[in-house]
Amino acid sequence: MKVPRKYFAVVFAFFLTLVMVLIVTGVTTALNVGFPPEFMSRWLRAWLIAWIIAFPAAVVVAPWARRLAERLTG
């Protein structure tokens, strides 16, 4: 399935936040609780809650961040 190019920013934010939040919540969950038997369920719960916030935030903030990065590097 091919998504139209006009949705590139949303698709990019989807995959970026999916992986980034998975890594960050995995590390912070491990640092906070170690590796108890319920580690995976805690991690996935933390990931879902954080991703629900991170994905729309990335979509909204990305244009501003891109403009700022262009100004700083241009």
Protein backbone atom coordinates (compact mmCIF):
# COMPACT_ATOMS: atom_id res chain seq x y z
CA MET A 1 0.00 0.00 0.00
CA LYS A 2 1.37 3.37 -1.01
CA VAL A 3 0.45 6.47 0.99
CA PRO A 4 0.23 9.74 -0.97
CA ARG A 5 3.33 11.95 -0.67
CA LYS A 6 1.34 14.76 0.96
CA TYR A 7 1.11 12.60 4.11
CA PHE A 8 4.87 12.10 4.35
CA ALA A 9 5.23 14.20 7.53
CA VAL A 10 2.51 12.28 9.36
CA VAL A 11 3.83 8.87 8.27
CA PHE A 12 7.37 9.90 9.22
CA ALA A 13 6.21 11.10 12.66
CA PHE A 14 4.28 7.86 13.13
CA PHE A 15 7.31 5.63 12.61
CA LEU A 16 9.77 7.93 14.37
CA THR A 17 7.68 8.22 17.52
CA LEU A 18 6.77 4.53 17.45
CA VAL A 19 10.40 3.48 17.74
CA MET A 20 11.71 6.39 19.81
CA VAL A 21 9.01 6.11 22.47
CA LEU A 22 9.47 2.33 22.58
CA ILE A 23 13.19 2.77 23.34
CA VAL A 24 12.78 5.60 25.84
CA THR A 25 9.96 3.96 27.78
CA GLY A 26 11.83 0.65 27.82
CA VAL A 27 14.90 2.28 29.33
CA THR A 28 12.97 4.35 31.86
CA THR A 29 10.79 1.41 32.87
CA ALA A 30 13.89 -0.72 33.43
CA LEU A 31 15.58 2.04 35.44
CA ASN A 32 12.49 2.58 37.58
CA VAL A 33 11.38 -0.99 38.31
CA GLY A 34 14.20 -3.26 37.11
CA PHE A 35 13.09 -6.44 35.35
CA PRO A 36 10.24 -7.93 37.41
CA PRO A 37 7.96 -10.60 35.91
CA GLU A 38 5.47 -7.89 34.86
CA PHE A 39 8.15 -5.80 33.10
CA MET A 40 6.70 -6.28 29.60
CA SER A 41 3.17 -5.29 30.60
CA ARG A 42 4.45 -2.20 32.44
CA TRP A 43 6.66 -1.26 29.50
CA LEU A 44 3.91 -1.66 26.91
CA ARG A 45 1.45 0.32 29.04
CA ALA A 46 4.02 3.12 29.46
CA TRP A 47 4.75 2.99 25.73
CA LEU A 48 1.09 3.27 24.73
CA ILE A 49 0.41 6.20 27.06
CA ALA A 50 3.57 8.03 25.98
CA TRP A 51 3.02 7.32 22.27
CA ILE A 52 -0.55 8.65 22.38
CA ILE A 53 0.99 11.96 23.50
CA ALA A 54 4.19 11.85 21.42
CA PHE A 55 2.69 11.15 18.00
CA PRO A 56 0.33 14.13 17.76
CA ALA A 57 2.93 16.31 19.48
CA ALA A 58 5.50 15.38 16.83
CA VAL A 59 3.06 16.14 14.02
CA VAL A 60 2.30 19.56 15.49
CA VAL A 61 5.87 20.49 16.54
CA ALA A 62 7.72 19.18 13.46
CA PRO A 63 7.06 22.18 11.17
CA TRP A 64 8.28 24.61 13.83
CA ALA A 65 11.34 22.45 14.59
CA ARG A 66 12.15 22.20 10.87
CA ARG A 67 11.98 25.99 10.45
CA LEU A 68 14.15 26.52 13.53
CA ALA A 69 16.73 23.99 12.31
CA GLU A 70 16.78 25.64 8.87
CA ARG A 71 17.41 29.04 10.45
CA LEU A 72 20.18 27.71 12.67
CA THR A 73 21.93 25.82 9.89
CA GLY A 74 21.11 28.00 6.88
